[in-house]
Amino acid sequence: MRIADRARFVAALAALALAATSIVVVPRPAGAIEAGDPAPDFTLASTTGGDISLSDFRGKKWVLLEFYGADFAPT
């Protein structure tokens, strides 16, 4: 096998492996949440350096969730 053919074969094999990995690794999207449904639990980094979870606020009267993009414009 010539060097050019071998390089093309390796590139095609790498592309196939990458495509197969992306199919296996990509999680399935969650179903839509309807108005009135409870929010699913999640954990994010807090501004104080620790992690904070939505379930930490279970039983509190009100919880406001407001998400901003990287440019801090409301979504």
N, C-alpha and C. Protein backbone atom coordinates (compact mmCIF):
# COMPACT_ATOMS: atom_id res chain seq x y z
N MET A 1 0.85 -1.18 0.00
CA MET A 1 0.00 0.00 0.00
C MET A 1 0.89 1.24 0.00
N ARG A 2 0.59 2.18 -0.88
CA ARG A 2 1.40 3.39 -0.95
C ARG A 2 1.14 4.28 0.26
N ILE A 3 2.05 5.19 0.53
CA ILE A 3 1.94 6.08 1.69
C ILE A 3 0.72 6.97 1.56
N ALA A 4 0.45 7.49 0.37
CA ALA A 4 -0.72 8.37 0.19
C ALA A 4 -2.02 7.60 0.42
N ASP A 5 -2.08 6.36 -0.06
CA ASP A 5 -3.27 5.54 0.16
C ASP A 5 -3.44 5.21 1.64
N ARG A 6 -2.33 4.92 2.30
CA ARG A 6 -2.39 4.62 3.73
C ARG A 6 -2.85 5.84 4.53
N ALA A 7 -2.37 7.03 4.19
CA ALA A 7 -2.79 8.25 4.88
C ALA A 7 -4.28 8.51 4.67
N ARG A 8 -4.76 8.28 3.44
CA ARG A 8 -6.18 8.46 3.16
C ARG A 8 -7.01 7.44 3.95
N PHE A 9 -6.53 6.21 4.03
CA PHE A 9 -7.23 5.17 4.79
C PHE A 9 -7.29 5.52 6.28
N VAL A 10 -6.19 5.99 6.83
CA VAL A 10 -6.14 6.36 8.25
C VAL A 10 -7.07 7.54 8.51
N ALA A 11 -7.10 8.52 7.61
CA ALA A 11 -7.99 9.67 7.78
C ALA A 11 -9.45 9.24 7.73
N ALA A 12 -9.79 8.35 6.80
CA ALA A 12 -11.16 7.85 6.71
C ALA A 12 -11.54 7.05 7.94
N LEU A 13 -10.63 6.25 8.44
CA LEU A 13 -10.87 5.46 9.64
C LEU A 13 -11.07 6.36 10.86
N ALA A 14 -10.27 7.42 10.97
CA ALA A 14 -10.41 8.36 12.07
C ALA A 14 -11.75 9.09 11.99
N ALA A 15 -12.16 9.49 10.80
CA ALA A 15 -13.46 10.15 10.63
C ALA A 15 -14.60 9.23 11.01
N LEU A 16 -14.50 7.97 10.62
CA LEU A 16 -15.52 6.99 10.97
C LEU A 16 -15.58 6.77 12.48
N ALA A 17 -14.43 6.69 13.13
CA ALA A 17 -14.39 6.52 14.59
C ALA A 17 -14.98 7.74 15.29
N LEU A 18 -14.68 8.93 14.81
CA LEU A 18 -15.24 10.14 15.39
C LEU A 18 -16.75 10.19 15.22
N ALA A 19 -17.25 9.83 14.06
CA ALA A 19 -18.69 9.82 13.82
C ALA A 19 -19.38 8.80 14.72
N ALA A 20 -18.80 7.62 14.85
CA ALA A 20 -19.38 6.59 15.71
C ALA A 20 -19.38 7.02 17.17
N THR A 21 -18.32 7.67 17.61
CA THR A 21 -18.25 8.15 18.99
C THR A 21 -19.29 9.22 19.26
N SER A 22 -19.50 10.13 18.32
CA SER A 22 -20.47 11.19 18.53
C SER A 22 -21.88 10.65 18.60
N ILE A 23 -22.16 9.56 17.90
CA ILE A 23 -23.48 8.95 17.97
C ILE A 23 -23.69 8.27 19.31
N VAL A 24 -22.68 7.61 19.82
CA VAL A 24 -22.78 6.87 21.07
C VAL A 24 -22.78 7.81 22.28
N VAL A 25 -21.99 8.89 22.25
CA VAL A 25 -21.78 9.74 23.41
C VAL A 25 -22.87 10.79 23.59
N VAL A 26 -23.53 11.23 22.54
CA VAL A 26 -24.51 12.30 22.62
C VAL A 26 -25.72 11.84 23.42
N PRO A 27 -26.04 12.54 24.53
CA PRO A 27 -27.20 12.14 25.32
C PRO A 27 -28.50 12.49 24.60
N ARG A 28 -29.52 11.77 24.90
CA ARG A 28 -30.83 12.05 24.33
C ARG A 28 -31.41 13.30 24.97
N PRO A 29 -32.07 14.15 24.18
CA PRO A 29 -32.67 15.36 24.76
C PRO A 29 -33.82 14.98 25.70
N ALA A 30 -33.95 15.76 26.76
CA ALA A 30 -35.02 15.53 27.71
C ALA A 30 -36.34 15.99 27.10
N GLY A 31 -37.42 15.44 27.56
CA GLY A 31 -38.73 15.84 27.08
C GLY A 31 -39.07 17.25 27.54
N ALA A 32 -40.00 17.86 26.86
CA ALA A 32 -40.41 19.22 27.19
C ALA A 32 -41.13 19.24 28.53
N ILE A 33 -40.99 20.34 29.23
CA ILE A 33 -41.67 20.53 30.50
C ILE A 33 -42.86 21.43 30.25
N GLU A 34 -44.00 21.01 30.72
CA GLU A 34 -45.22 21.79 30.56
C GLU A 34 -45.38 22.75 31.74
N ALA A 35 -46.12 23.82 31.52
CA ALA A 35 -46.40 24.79 32.60
C ALA A 35 -47.08 24.06 33.75
N GLY A 36 -46.59 24.32 34.95
CA GLY A 36 -47.13 23.68 36.14
C GLY A 36 -46.41 22.42 36.56
N ASP A 37 -45.58 21.84 35.68
CA ASP A 37 -44.79 20.67 36.04
C ASP A 37 -43.64 21.08 36.94
N PRO A 38 -43.21 20.22 37.86
CA PRO A 38 -42.04 20.55 38.67
C PRO A 38 -40.78 20.56 37.81
N ALA A 39 -39.87 21.45 38.13
CA ALA A 39 -38.61 21.54 37.39
C ALA A 39 -37.74 20.34 37.74
N PRO A 40 -37.02 19.80 36.77
CA PRO A 40 -36.11 18.69 37.08
C PRO A 40 -34.93 19.19 37.92
N ASP A 41 -34.41 18.32 38.76
CA ASP A 41 -33.29 18.70 39.61
C ASP A 41 -32.02 18.85 38.78
N PHE A 42 -31.19 19.82 39.13
CA PHE A 42 -29.91 20.02 38.47
C PHE A 42 -28.95 20.65 39.45
N THR A 43 -27.67 20.57 39.17
CA THR A 43 -26.63 21.14 40.02
C THR A 43 -25.74 22.01 39.16
N LEU A 44 -25.42 23.21 39.66
CA LEU A 44 -24.55 24.16 38.96
C LEU A 44 -23.54 24.72 39.94
N ALA A 45 -22.49 25.31 39.40
CA ALA A 45 -21.50 25.98 40.26
C ALA A 45 -22.09 27.28 40.78
N SER A 46 -21.88 27.56 42.06
CA SER A 46 -22.39 28.81 42.63
C SER A 46 -21.34 29.90 42.51
N THR A 47 -21.73 31.11 42.81
CA THR A 47 -20.80 32.24 42.74
C THR A 47 -19.82 32.24 43.90
N THR A 48 -20.06 31.39 44.92
CA THR A 48 -19.15 31.33 46.06
C THR A 48 -18.14 30.21 45.93
N GLY A 49 -18.17 29.49 44.80
CA GLY A 49 -17.17 28.45 44.56
C GLY A 49 -17.64 27.04 44.78
N GLY A 50 -18.76 26.85 45.46
CA GLY A 50 -19.27 25.50 45.67
C GLY A 50 -20.29 25.13 44.60
N ASP A 51 -20.97 24.04 44.82
CA ASP A 51 -22.05 23.63 43.94
C ASP A 51 -23.37 23.88 44.65
N ILE A 52 -24.39 24.17 43.87
CA ILE A 52 -25.72 24.39 44.42
C ILE A 52 -26.70 23.62 43.56
N SER A 53 -27.66 23.01 44.21
CA SER A 53 -28.62 22.16 43.53
C SER A 53 -30.03 22.71 43.73
N LEU A 54 -30.88 22.51 42.75
CA LEU A 54 -32.26 22.97 42.88
C LEU A 54 -32.95 22.28 44.04
N SER A 55 -32.60 21.02 44.31
CA SER A 55 -33.23 20.31 45.42
C SER A 55 -32.86 20.89 46.78
N ASP A 56 -31.81 21.73 46.85
CA ASP A 56 -31.47 22.40 48.10
C ASP A 56 -32.58 23.35 48.55
N PHE A 57 -33.41 23.77 47.61
CA PHE A 57 -34.46 24.74 47.91
C PHE A 57 -35.83 24.10 48.04
N ARG A 58 -35.90 22.77 48.02
CA ARG A 58 -37.20 22.10 48.15
C ARG A 58 -37.82 22.47 49.49
N GLY A 59 -39.10 22.83 49.45
CA GLY A 59 -39.82 23.21 50.65
C GLY A 59 -39.79 24.71 50.92
N LYS A 60 -39.01 25.46 50.20
CA LYS A 60 -38.99 26.92 50.34
C LYS A 60 -40.21 27.48 49.63
N LYS A 61 -40.58 28.72 49.97
CA LYS A 61 -41.80 29.28 49.42
C LYS A 61 -41.65 29.60 47.93
N TRP A 62 -40.61 30.31 47.53
CA TRP A 62 -40.43 30.72 46.14
C TRP A 62 -39.00 30.46 45.70
N VAL A 63 -38.84 30.05 44.47
CA VAL A 63 -37.52 29.90 43.85
C VAL A 63 -37.62 30.52 42.46
N LEU A 64 -36.77 31.50 42.17
CA LEU A 64 -36.74 32.14 40.86
C LEU A 64 -35.50 31.67 40.12
N LEU A 65 -35.70 31.11 38.94
CA LEU A 65 -34.59 30.66 38.10
C LEU A 65 -34.48 31.61 36.93
N GLU A 66 -33.32 32.22 36.77
CA GLU A 66 -33.10 33.13 35.66
C GLU A 66 -31.75 32.77 35.04
N PHE A 67 -31.77 32.42 33.78
CA PHE A 67 -30.56 31.98 33.09
C PHE A 67 -30.14 33.06 32.10
N TYR A 68 -28.83 33.30 32.05
CA TYR A 68 -28.26 34.27 31.13
C TYR A 68 -27.23 33.58 30.24
N GLY A 69 -27.12 34.06 29.02
CA GLY A 69 -26.11 33.56 28.12
C GLY A 69 -24.75 34.13 28.47
N ALA A 70 -23.76 33.80 27.70
CA ALA A 70 -22.40 34.26 27.96
C ALA A 70 -22.27 35.78 27.86
N ASP A 71 -23.18 36.43 27.09
CA ASP A 71 -23.11 37.89 26.97
C ASP A 71 -23.99 38.60 27.98
N PHE A 72 -24.59 37.86 28.93
CA PHE A 72 -25.47 38.37 29.98
C PHE A 72 -26.72 39.03 29.47
N ALA A 73 -27.15 38.70 28.26
CA ALA A 73 -28.42 39.19 27.74
C ALA A 73 -29.50 38.18 28.16
N PRO A 74 -30.64 38.66 28.64
CA PRO A 74 -31.70 37.72 29.03
C PRO A 74 -32.12 36.85 27.85
N THR A 75 -32.41 35.59 28.13
CA THR A 75 -32.82 34.68 27.06
C THR A 75 -34.32 34.55 27.03
